[in-house]
PDB file of N, CA and C in Angstrom:
ATOM      1  N   MET A   1      76.680  14.299 126.699  1.00  0.00           N
ATOM      2  CA  MET A   1      76.140  14.793 127.943  1.00  0.00           C
ATOM      3  C   MET A   1      77.174  14.587 129.043  1.00  0.00           C
ATOM      4  N   ALA A   2      77.459  15.663 129.756  1.00  0.00           N
ATOM      5  CA  ALA A   2      78.428  15.591 130.859  1.00  0.00           C
ATOM      6  C   ALA A   2      77.725  15.121 132.120  1.00  0.00           C
ATOM      7  N   GLU A   3      78.422  14.369 132.876  1.00  0.00           N
ATOM      8  CA  GLU A   3      77.935  13.864 134.157  1.00  0.00           C
ATOM      9  C   GLU A   3      77.832  15.008 135.159  1.00  0.00           C
ATOM     10  N   LEU A   4      76.918  14.893 136.114  1.00  0.00           N
ATOM     11  CA  LEU A   4      76.854  15.834 137.225  1.00  0.00           C
ATOM     12  C   LEU A   4      77.498  15.177 138.427  1.00  0.00           C
ATOM     13  N   HIS A   5      78.459  15.859 139.013  1.00  0.00           N
ATOM     14  CA  HIS A   5      79.120  15.372 140.221  1.00  0.00           C
ATOM     15  C   HIS A   5      78.607  16.203 141.389  1.00  0.00           C
ATOM     16  N   ILE A   6      78.217  15.506 142.453  1.00  0.00           N
ATOM     17  CA  ILE A   6      77.638  16.147 143.630  1.00  0.00           C
ATOM     18  C   ILE A   6      78.408  15.689 144.854  1.00  0.00           C
ATOM     19  N   SER A   7      78.806  16.651 145.684  1.00  0.00           N
ATOM     20  CA  SER A   7      79.367  16.296 146.984  1.00  0.00           C
ATOM     21  C   SER A   7      78.729  17.216 148.011  1.00  0.00           C
ATOM     22  N   SER A   8      78.643  16.712 149.238  1.00  0.00           N
ATOM     23  CA  SER A   8      78.075  17.546 150.297  1.00  0.00           C
ATOM     24  C   SER A   8      78.672  17.164 151.640  1.00  0.00           C
ATOM     25  N   GLN A   9      78.682  18.149 152.522  1.00  0.00           N
ATOM     26  CA  GLN A   9      79.115  17.930 153.899  1.00  0.00           C
ATOM     27  C   GLN A   9      78.451  18.990 154.762  1.00  0.00           C
ATOM     28  N   THR A  10      78.263  18.662 156.031  1.00  0.00           N
ATOM     29  CA  THR A  10      77.688  19.606 156.980  1.00  0.00           C
ATOM     30  C   THR A  10      78.615  19.693 158.179  1.00  0.00           C
ATOM     31  N   LEU A  11      79.040  20.911 158.481  1.00  0.00           N
ATOM     32  CA  LEU A  11      79.897  21.173 159.632  1.00  0.00           C
ATOM     33  C   LEU A  11      79.331  22.361 160.392  1.00  0.00           C
ATOM     34  N   ALA A  12      79.149  22.192 161.687  1.00  0.00           N
ATOM     35  CA  ALA A  12      78.669  23.264 162.567  1.00  0.00           C
ATOM     36  C   ALA A  12      77.397  23.925 162.038  1.00  0.00           C
ATOM     37  N   GLY A  13      76.482  23.118 161.511  1.00  0.00           N
ATOM     38  CA  GLY A  13      75.207  23.630 161.049  1.00  0.00           C
ATOM     39  C   GLY A  13      75.221  24.268 159.679  1.00  0.00           C
ATOM     40  N   LEU A  14      76.356  24.309 159.019  1.00  0.00           N
ATOM     41  CA  LEU A  14      76.456  24.871 157.673  1.00  0.00           C
ATOM     42  C   LEU A  14      76.663  23.731 156.692  1.00  0.00           C
ATOM     43  N   SER A  15      75.721  23.578 155.777  1.00  0.00           N
ATOM     44  CA  SER A  15      75.829  22.541 154.753  1.00  0.00           C
ATOM     45  C   SER A  15      76.469  23.131 153.508  1.00  0.00           C
ATOM     46  N   THR A  16      77.414  22.397 152.956  1.00  0.00           N
ATOM     47  CA  THR A  16      78.087  22.813 151.734  1.00  0.00           C
ATOM     48  C   THR A  16      77.849  21.750 150.673  1.00  0.00           C
ATOM     49  N   VAL A  17      77.314  22.184 149.553  1.00  0.00           N
ATOM     50  CA  VAL A  17      77.053  21.299 148.415  1.00  0.00           C
ATOM     51  C   VAL A  17      77.903  21.810 147.260  1.00  0.00           C
ATOM     52  N   THR A  18      78.589  20.902 146.597  1.00  0.00           N
ATOM     53  CA  THR A  18      79.382  21.270 145.429  1.00  0.00           C
ATOM     54  C   THR A  18      78.821  20.536 144.220  1.00  0.00           C
ATOM     55  N   LEU A  19      78.517  21.315 143.167  1.00  0.00           N
ATOM     56  CA  LEU A  19      77.999  20.752 141.928  1.00  0.00           C
ATOM     57  C   LEU A  19      78.988  21.044 140.811  1.00  0.00           C
ATOM     58  N   SER A  20      79.290  20.035 140.020  1.00  0.00           N
ATOM     59  CA  SER A  20      80.142  20.251 138.854  1.00  0.00           C
ATOM     60  C   SER A  20      79.637  19.386 137.708  1.00  0.00           C
ATOM     61  N   GLY A  21      79.847  19.889 136.497  1.00  0.00           N
ATOM     62  CA  GLY A  21      79.357  19.194 135.303  1.00  0.00           C
ATOM     63  C   GLY A  21      78.127  19.896 134.771  1.00  0.00           C
ATOM     64  N   GLU A  22      77.107  19.116 134.392  1.00  0.00           N
ATOM     65  CA  GLU A  22      75.879  19.662 133.833  1.00  0.00           C
ATOM     66  C   GLU A  22      74.696  19.325 134.727  1.00  0.00           C
ATOM     67  N   PHE A  23      73.949  20.359 135.128  1.00  0.00           N
ATOM     68  CA  PHE A  23      72.780  20.215 135.994  1.00  0.00           C
ATOM     69  C   PHE A  23      71.553  20.425 135.119  1.00  0.00           C
ATOM     70  N   ASP A  24      70.917  19.313 134.740  1.00  0.00           N
ATOM     71  CA  ASP A  24      69.799  19.388 133.811  1.00  0.00           C
ATOM     72  C   ASP A  24      68.687  18.422 134.220  1.00  0.00           C
ATOM     73  N   ALA A  25      67.673  18.317 133.377  1.00  0.00           N
ATOM     74  CA  ALA A  25      66.515  17.474 133.664  1.00  0.00           C
ATOM     75  C   ALA A  25      66.907  16.020 133.903  1.00  0.00           C
ATOM     76  N   TYR A  26      67.953  15.583 133.268  1.00  0.00           N
ATOM     77  CA  TYR A  26      68.393  14.192 133.389  1.00  0.00           C
ATOM     78  C   TYR A  26      68.833  13.848 134.814  1.00  0.00           C
ATOM     79  N   ASN A  27      69.440  14.772 135.515  1.00  0.00           N
ATOM     80  CA  ASN A  27      69.991  14.461 136.837  1.00  0.00           C
ATOM     81  C   ASN A  27      69.443  15.356 137.954  1.00  0.00           C
ATOM     82  N   ALA A  28      68.428  16.150 137.680  1.00  0.00           N
ATOM     83  CA  ALA A  28      67.888  17.088 138.662  1.00  0.00           C
ATOM     84  C   ALA A  28      67.326  16.392 139.901  1.00  0.00           C
ATOM     85  N   SER A  29      66.788  15.202 139.738  1.00  0.00           N
ATOM     86  CA  SER A  29      66.176  14.532 140.891  1.00  0.00           C
ATOM     87  C   SER A  29      67.203  14.228 141.983  1.00  0.00           C
ATOM     88  N   ARG A  30      68.443  13.945 141.592  1.00  0.00           N
ATOM     89  CA  ARG A  30      69.492  13.678 142.591  1.00  0.00           C
ATOM     90  C   ARG A  30      69.740  14.905 143.464  1.00  0.00           C
ATOM     91  N   VAL A  31      69.783  16.070 142.847  1.00  0.00           N
ATOM     92  CA  VAL A  31      70.014  17.311 143.587  1.00  0.00           C
ATOM     93  C   VAL A  31      68.774  17.660 144.405  1.00  0.00           C
ATOM     94  N   ARG A  32      67.595  17.460 143.825  1.00  0.00           N
ATOM     95  CA  ARG A  32      66.345  17.754 144.536  1.00  0.00           C
ATOM     96  C   ARG A  32      66.267  16.962 145.841  1.00  0.00           C
ATOM     97  N   VAL A  33      66.552  15.667 145.782  1.00  0.00           N
ATOM     98  CA  VAL A  33      66.491  14.822 146.978  1.00  0.00           C
ATOM     99  C   VAL A  33      67.475  15.319 148.040  1.00  0.00           C
ATOM    100  N   LEU A  34      68.676  15.652 147.639  1.00  0.00           N
ATOM    101  CA  LEU A  34      69.683  16.147 148.581  1.00  0.00           C
ATOM    102  C   LEU A  34      69.237  17.454 149.227  1.00  0.00           C
ATOM    103  N   LEU A  35      68.803  18.413 148.418  1.00  0.00           N
ATOM    104  CA  LEU A  35      68.418  19.716 148.956  1.00  0.00           C
ATOM    105  C   LEU A  35      67.160  19.627 149.814  1.00  0.00           C
ATOM    106  N   GLU A  36      66.236  18.760 149.460  1.00  0.00           N
ATOM    107  CA  GLU A  36      65.057  18.566 150.306  1.00  0.00           C
ATOM    108  C   GLU A  36      65.473  18.052 151.680  1.00  0.00           C
ATOM    109  N   ALA A  37      66.416  17.130 151.714  1.00  0.00           N
ATOM    110  CA  ALA A  37      66.897  16.595 152.999  1.00  0.00           C
ATOM    111  C   ALA A  37      67.591  17.678 153.819  1.00  0.00           C
ATOM    112  N   LEU A  38      68.334  18.562 153.158  1.00  0.00           N
ATOM    113  CA  LEU A  38      69.080  19.605 153.868  1.00  0.00           C
ATOM    114  C   LEU A  38      68.200  20.748 154.358  1.00  0.00           C
ATOM    115  N   THR A  39      66.985  20.870 153.818  1.00  0.00           N
ATOM    116  CA  THR A  39      66.120  21.986 154.194  1.00  0.00           C
ATOM    117  C   THR A  39      64.942  21.556 155.066  1.00  0.00           C
ATOM    118  N   THR A  40      65.025  20.390 155.684  1.00  0.00           N
ATOM    119  CA  THR A  40      63.912  19.936 156.523  1.00  0.00           C
ATOM    120  C   THR A  40      63.932  20.550 157.919  1.00  0.00           C
ATOM    121  N   GLU A  41      65.096  20.919 158.416  1.00  0.00           N
ATOM    122  CA  GLU A  41      65.218  21.506 159.756  1.00  0.00           C
ATOM    123  C   GLU A  41      64.933  23.007 159.701  1.00  0.00           C
ATOM    124  N   MET A  42      64.693  23.591 160.858  1.00  0.00           N
ATOM    125  CA  MET A  42      64.555  25.045 160.923  1.00  0.00           C
ATOM    126  C   MET A  42      65.936  25.691 160.740  1.00  0.00           C
ATOM    127  N   ASN A  43      65.937  26.885 160.170  1.00  0.00           N
ATOM    128  CA  ASN A  43      67.152  27.680 159.962  1.00  0.00           C
ATOM    129  C   ASN A  43      68.237  26.971 159.148  1.00  0.00           C
ATOM    130  N   PRO A  44      67.888  26.323 158.046  1.00  0.00           N
ATOM    131  CA  PRO A  44      68.953  25.673 157.278  1.00  0.00           C
ATOM    132  C   PRO A  44      69.881  26.715 156.646  1.00  0.00           C
ATOM    133  N   ARG A  45      71.168  26.456 156.725  1.00  0.00           N
ATOM    134  CA  ARG A  45      72.184  27.309 156.100  1.00  0.00           C
ATOM    135  C   ARG A  45      72.920  26.450 155.084  1.00  0.00           C
ATOM    136  N   ILE A  46      72.798  26.808 153.816  1.00  0.00           N
ATOM    137  CA  ILE A  46      73.366  25.990 152.746  1.00  0.00           C
ATOM    138  C   ILE A  46      74.162  26.867 151.797  1.00  0.00           C
ATOM    139  N   ARG A  47      75.371  26.435 151.510  1.00  0.00           N
ATOM    140  CA  ARG A  47      76.196  27.059 150.468  1.00  0.00           C
ATOM    141  C   ARG A  47      76.297  26.062 149.330  1.00  0.00           C
ATOM    142  N   ILE A  48      76.005  26.531 148.128  1.00  0.00           N
ATOM    143  CA  ILE A  48      76.112  25.675 146.952  1.00  0.00           C
ATOM    144  C   ILE A  48      77.222  26.231 146.069  1.00  0.00           C
ATOM    145  N   HIS A  49      78.315  25.490 145.994  1.00  0.00           N
ATOM    146  CA  HIS A  49      79.468  25.901 145.183  1.00  0.00           C
ATOM    147  C   HIS A  49      79.243  25.468 143.735  1.00  0.00           C
ATOM    148  N   LEU A  50      79.363  26.439 142.829  1.00  0.00           N
ATOM    149  CA  LEU A  50      79.055  26.206 141.417  1.00  0.00           C
ATOM    150  C   LEU A  50      80.237  26.457 140.489  1.00  0.00           C
ATOM    151  N   ALA A  51      81.443  26.558 141.030  1.00  0.00           N
ATOM    152  CA  ALA A  51      82.611  26.881 140.193  1.00  0.00           C
ATOM    153  C   ALA A  51      82.850  25.836 139.111  1.00  0.00           C
ATOM    154  N   GLY A  52      82.449  24.611 139.347  1.00  0.00           N
ATOM    155  CA  GLY A  52      82.659  23.553 138.361  1.00  0.00           C
ATOM    156  C   GLY A  52      81.441  23.246 137.518  1.00  0.00           C
ATOM    157  N   LEU A  53      80.379  24.047 137.673  1.00  0.00           N
ATOM    158  CA  LEU A  53      79.153  23.795 136.925  1.00  0.00           C
ATOM    159  C   LEU A  53      79.253  24.433 135.545  1.00  0.00           C
ATOM    160  N   ASP A  54      79.185  23.609 134.518  1.00  0.00           N
ATOM    161  CA  ASP A  54      79.313  24.088 133.141  1.00  0.00           C
ATOM    162  C   ASP A  54      77.989  24.531 132.540  1.00  0.00           C
ATOM    163  N   TYR A  55      76.891  23.946 133.030  1.00  0.00           N
ATOM    164  CA  TYR A  55      75.589  24.154 132.384  1.00  0.00           C
ATOM    165  C   TYR A  55      74.479  23.927 133.394  1.00  0.00           C
ATOM    166  N   ILE A  56      73.415  24.740 133.299  1.00  0.00           N
ATOM    167  CA  ILE A  56      72.205  24.527 134.082  1.00  0.00           C
ATOM    168  C   ILE A  56      71.012  24.835 133.192  1.00  0.00           C
ATOM    169  N   ASP A  57      69.999  23.967 133.220  1.00  0.00           N
ATOM    170  CA  ASP A  57      68.804  24.218 132.419  1.00  0.00           C
ATOM    171  C   ASP A  57      67.650  24.628 133.330  1.00  0.00           C
ATOM    172  N   SER A  58      66.465  24.788 132.748  1.00  0.00           N
ATOM    173  CA  SER A  58      65.323  25.273 133.522  1.00  0.00           C
ATOM    174  C   SER A  58      64.923  24.305 134.631  1.00  0.00           C
ATOM    175  N   THR A  59      65.130  23.024 134.441  1.00  0.00           N
ATOM    176  CA  THR A  59      64.810  22.066 135.489  1.00  0.00           C
ATOM    177  C   THR A  59      65.756  22.248 136.665  1.00  0.00           C
ATOM    178  N   GLY A  60      67.031  22.438 136.400  1.00  0.00           N
ATOM    179  CA  GLY A  60      68.000  22.699 137.462  1.00  0.00           C
ATOM    180  C   GLY A  60      67.669  23.983 138.203  1.00  0.00           C
ATOM    181  N   LEU A  61      67.294  25.021 137.459  1.00  0.00           N
ATOM    182  CA  LEU A  61      66.890  26.280 138.094  1.00  0.00           C
ATOM    183  C   LEU A  61      65.684  26.060 138.998  1.00  0.00           C
ATOM    184  N   GLY A  62      64.730  25.269 138.514  1.00  0.00           N
ATOM    185  CA  GLY A  62      63.532  24.982 139.306  1.00  0.00           C
ATOM    186  C   GLY A  62      63.851  24.278 140.609  1.00  0.00           C
ATOM    187  N   VAL A  63      64.809  23.364 140.578  1.00  0.00           N
ATOM    188  CA  VAL A  63      65.232  22.665 141.793  1.00  0.00           C
ATOM    189  C   VAL A  63      65.815  23.662 142.790  1.00  0.00           C
ATOM    190  N   LEU A  64      66.650  24.573 142.305  1.00  0.00           N
ATOM    191  CA  LEU A  64      67.254  25.570 143.205  1.00  0.00           C
ATOM    192  C   LEU A  64      66.215  26.533 143.761  1.00  0.00           C
ATOM    193  N   VAL A  65      65.260  26.951 142.935  1.00  0.00           N
ATOM    194  CA  VAL A  65      64.205  27.853 143.402  1.00  0.00           C
ATOM    195  C   VAL A  65      63.344  27.162 144.462  1.00  0.00           C
ATOM    196  N   ALA A  66      62.988  25.911 144.241  1.00  0.00           N
ATOM    197  CA  ALA A  66      62.189  25.165 145.218  1.00  0.00           C
ATOM    198  C   ALA A  66      62.943  25.021 146.543  1.00  0.00           C
ATOM    199  N   ALA A  67      64.248  24.758 146.458  1.00  0.00           N
ATOM    200  CA  ALA A  67      65.056  24.629 147.676  1.00  0.00           C
ATOM    201  C   ALA A  67      65.145  25.966 148.398  1.00  0.00           C
ATOM    202  N   LEU A  68      65.291  27.049 147.657  1.00  0.00           N
ATOM    203  CA  LEU A  68      65.342  28.376 148.273  1.00  0.00           C
ATOM    204  C   LEU A  68      64.030  28.683 148.987  1.00  0.00           C
ATOM    205  N   LYS A  69      62.911  28.366 148.357  1.00  0.00           N
ATOM    206  CA  LYS A  69      61.613  28.593 148.995  1.00  0.00           C
ATOM    207  C   LYS A  69      61.487  27.772 150.270  1.00  0.00           C
ATOM    208  N   GLN A  70      61.868  26.508 150.204  1.00  0.00           N
ATOM    209  CA  GLN A  70      61.781  25.653 151.378  1.00  0.00           C
ATOM    210  C   GLN A  70      62.684  26.182 152.496  1.00  0.00           C
ATOM    211  N   ALA A  71      63.883  26.607 152.141  1.00  0.00           N
ATOM    212  CA  ALA A  71      64.816  27.135 153.144  1.00  0.00           C
ATOM    213  C   ALA A  71      64.291  28.424 153.763  1.00  0.00           C
ATOM    214  N   THR A  72      63.815  29.354 152.946  1.00  0.00           N
ATOM    215  CA  THR A  72      63.345  30.626 153.486  1.00  0.00           C
ATOM    216  C   THR A  72      62.050  30.446 154.279  1.00  0.00           C
ATOM    217  N   ASP A  73      61.216  29.489 153.901  1.00  0.00           N
ATOM    218  CA  ASP A  73      60.014  29.189 154.689  1.00  0.00           C
ATOM    219  C   ASP A  73      60.385  28.717 156.091  1.00  0.00           C
ATOM    220  N   ARG A  74      61.584  28.162 156.228  1.00  0.00           N
ATOM    221  CA  ARG A  74      62.067  27.669 157.520  1.00  0.00           C
ATOM    222  C   ARG A  74      63.106  28.618 158.134  1.00  0.00           C
ATOM    223  N   LYS A  75      63.072  29.887 157.684  1.00  0.00           N
ATOM    224  CA  LYS A  75      63.958  30.937 158.222  1.00  0.00           C
ATOM    225  C   LYS A  75      65.433  30.666 157.939  1.00  0.00           C
ATOM    226  N   GLY A  76      65.712  29.992 156.836  1.00  0.00           N
ATOM    227  CA  GLY A  76      67.086  29.674 156.478  1.00  0.00           C
ATOM    228  C   GLY A  76      67.542  30.459 155.265  1.00  0.00           C
ATOM    229  N   GLN A  77      68.671  30.044 154.720  1.00  0.00           N
ATOM    230  CA  GLN A  77      69.229  30.731 153.558  1.00  0.00           C
ATOM    231  C   GLN A  77      70.007  29.752 152.695  1.00  0.00           C
ATOM    232  N   ILE A  78      70.076  30.113 151.423  1.00  0.00           N
ATOM    233  CA  ILE A  78      70.914  29.387 150.466  1.00  0.00           C
ATOM    234  C   ILE A  78      71.760  30.428 149.754  1.00  0.00           C
ATOM    235  N   ASP A  79      73.067  30.207 149.749  1.00  0.00           N
ATOM    236  CA  ASP A  79      73.996  31.082 149.045  1.00  0.00           C
ATOM    237  C   ASP A  79      74.617  30.308 147.899  1.00  0.00           C
ATOM    238  N   LEU A  80      74.658  30.924 146.725  1.00  0.00           N
ATOM    239  CA  LEU A  80      75.331  30.333 145.565  1.00  0.00           C
ATOM    240  C   LEU A  80      76.724  30.935 145.501  1.00  0.00           C
ATOM    241  N   ILE A  81      77.726  30.071 145.445  1.00  0.00           N
ATOM    242  CA  ILE A  81      79.112  30.506 145.547  1.00  0.00           C
ATOM    243  C   ILE A  81      79.865  30.223 144.250  1.00  0.00           C
ATOM    244  N   ALA A  82      80.566  31.237 143.761  1.00  0.00           N
ATOM    245  CA  ALA A  82      81.514  31.150 142.646  1.00  0.00           C
ATOM    246  C   ALA A  82      80.961  30.490 141.389  1.00  0.00           C
ATOM    247  N   PRO A  83      79.757  30.919 140.917  1.00  0.00           N
ATOM    248  CA  PRO A  83      79.259  30.334 139.673  1.00  0.00           C
ATOM    249  C   PRO A  83      80.108  30.767 138.478  1.00  0.00           C
ATOM    250  N   THR A  84      80.144  29.923 137.476  1.00  0.00           N
ATOM    251  CA  THR A  84      80.864  30.240 136.248  1.00  0.00           C
ATOM    252  C   THR A  84      80.136  31.367 135.516  1.00  0.00           C
ATOM    253  N   PRO A  85      80.820  32.075 134.630  1.00  0.00           N
ATOM    254  CA  PRO A  85      80.152  33.148 133.872  1.00  0.00           C
ATOM    255  C   PRO A  85      78.914  32.663 133.106  1.00  0.00           C
ATOM    256  N   ALA A  86      78.962  31.460 132.555  1.00  0.00           N
ATOM    257  CA  ALA A  86      77.808  30.933 131.826  1.00  0.00           C
ATOM    258  C   ALA A  86      76.609  30.747 132.751  1.00  0.00           C
ATOM    259  N   VAL A  87      76.848  30.279 133.956  1.00  0.00           N
ATOM    260  CA  VAL A  87      75.769  30.076 134.918  1.00  0.00           C
ATOM    261  C   VAL A  87      75.256  31.419 135.426  1.00  0.00           C
ATOM    262  N   VAL A  88      76.141  32.358 135.687  1.00  0.00           N
ATOM    263  CA  VAL A  88      75.722  33.702 136.099  1.00  0.00           C
ATOM    264  C   VAL A  88      74.818  34.307 135.033  1.00  0.00           C
ATOM    265  N   ARG A  89      75.169  34.109 133.789  1.00  0.00           N
ATOM    266  CA  ARG A  89      74.373  34.662 132.676  1.00  0.00           C
ATOM    267  C   ARG A  89      72.955  34.102 132.698  1.00  0.00           C
ATOM    268  N   VAL A  90      72.803  32.806 132.937  1.00  0.00           N
ATOM    269  CA  VAL A  90      71.477  32.193 133.008  1.00  0.00           C
ATOM    270  C   VAL A  90      70.672  32.800 134.154  1.00  0.00           C
ATOM    271  N   PHE A  91      71.299  32.984 135.300  1.00  0.00           N
ATOM    272  CA  PHE A  91      70.608  33.593 136.435  1.00  0.00           C
ATOM    273  C   PHE A  91      70.216  35.033 136.117  1.00  0.00           C
ATOM    274  N   HIS A  92      71.078  35.754 135.418  1.00  0.00           N
ATOM    275  CA  HIS A  92      70.781  37.141 135.055  1.00  0.00           C
ATOM    276  C   HIS A  92      69.628  37.207 134.053  1.00  0.00           C
ATOM    277  N   ILE A  93      69.675  36.388 133.016  1.00  0.00           N
ATOM    278  CA  ILE A  93      68.640  36.389 131.980  1.00  0.00           C
ATOM    279  C   ILE A  93      67.271  36.058 132.567  1.00  0.00           C
ATOM    280  N   THR A  94      67.238  35.120 133.503  1.00  0.00           N
ATOM    281  CA  THR A  94      65.963  34.697 134.094  1.00  0.00           C
ATOM    282  C   THR A  94      65.511  35.594 135.242  1.00  0.00           C
ATOM    283  N   GLY A  95      66.362  36.512 135.681  1.00  0.00           N
ATOM    284  CA  GLY A  95      66.029  37.390 136.788  1.00  0.00           C
ATOM    285  C   GLY A  95      66.231  36.745 138.156  1.00  0.00           C
ATOM    286  N   LEU A  96      66.730  35.520 138.171  1.00  0.00           N
ATOM    287  CA  LEU A  96      66.936  34.823 139.437  1.00  0.00           C
ATOM    288  C   LEU A  96      68.109  35.379 140.226  1.00  0.00           C
ATOM    289  N   ASP A  97      68.938  36.189 139.579  1.00  0.00           N
ATOM    290  CA  ASP A  97      70.026  36.844 140.316  1.00  0.00           C
ATOM    291  C   ASP A  97      69.471  37.857 141.320  1.00  0.00           C
ATOM    292  N   LYS A  98      68.197  38.213 141.185  1.00  0.00           N
ATOM    293  CA  LYS A  98      67.564  39.152 142.115  1.00  0.00           C
ATOM    294  C   LYS A  98      67.050  38.450 143.377  1.00  0.00           C
ATOM    295  N   ILE A  99      66.842  37.138 143.329  1.00  0.00           N
ATOM    296  CA  ILE A  99      66.297  36.443 144.494  1.00  0.00           C
ATOM    297  C   ILE A  99      67.326  35.556 145.214  1.00  0.00           C
ATOM    298  N   PHE A 100      68.398  35.207 144.521  1.00  0.00           N
ATOM    299  CA  PHE A 100      69.446  34.392 145.140  1.00  0.00           C
ATOM    300  C   PHE A 100      70.595  35.279 145.606  1.00  0.00           C
ATOM    301  N   SER A 101      71.236  34.853 146.686  1.00  0.00           N
ATOM    302  CA  SER A 101      72.483  35.464 147.124  1.00  0.00           C
ATOM    303  C   SER A 101      73.600  34.769 146.336  1.00  0.00           C
ATOM    304  N   ILE A 102      74.244  35.521 145.458  1.00  0.00           N
ATOM    305  CA  ILE A 102      75.302  34.967 144.602  1.00  0.00           C
ATOM    306  C   ILE A 102      76.581  35.719 144.902  1.00  0.00           C
ATOM    307  N   THR A 103      77.629  34.985 145.302  1.00  0.00           N
ATOM    308  CA  THR A 103      78.909  35.609 145.599  1.00  0.00           C
ATOM    309  C   THR A 103      80.008  34.965 144.762  1.00  0.00           C
ATOM    310  N   ALA A 104      81.015  35.764 144.459  1.00  0.00           N
ATOM    311  CA  ALA A 104      82.114  35.289 143.636  1.00  0.00           C
ATOM    312  C   ALA A 104      82.963  34.261 144.374  1.00  0.00           C
ATOM    313  N   GLU A 105      83.198  34.486 145.645  1.00  0.00           N
ATOM    314  CA  GLU A 105      84.022  33.585 146.443  1.00  0.00           C
ATOM    315  C   GLU A 105      83.374  33.351 147.785  1.00  0.00           C
ATOM    316  N   PRO A 106      83.611  32.199 148.380  1.00  0.00           N
ATOM    317  CA  PRO A 106      83.023  31.941 149.702  1.00  0.00           C
ATOM    318  C   PRO A 106      83.604  32.878 150.752  1.00  0.00           C
ATOM    319  N   SER A 107      82.749  33.303 151.677  1.00  0.00           N
ATOM    320  CA  SER A 107      83.244  34.120 152.779  1.00  0.00           C
ATOM    321  C   SER A 107      83.745  33.213 153.888  1.00  0.00           C
ATOM    322  N   ALA A 108      84.631  33.723 154.687  1.00  0.00           N
ATOM    323  CA  ALA A 108      85.225  32.928 155.766  1.00  0.00           C
ATOM    324  C   ALA A 108      84.240  32.651 156.872  1.00  0.00           C
TER     325      ALA A 108
END
């Protein structure tokens, strides 16, 4: 089992979270707590960088969906940035690519 590495920073109202490794049921609570904290204010803007994410399971997907709902309920947004092909495939298979903003590279 690969470790999940999480880093985050907030600058000028934009929160950036970077996930690398494996995002699964074993470590989902760490990400859930972070994203819940970032989506408590109105208009949260969050970018989640996934270039280093090797694997995501249904629990990880559930954490991201819950965070997206919380953010949009507060008039905010979550963008997924540079996911690996394996992660893109999971989003495509589950249909979640239709509800998330997924971009290949971060915009300036």
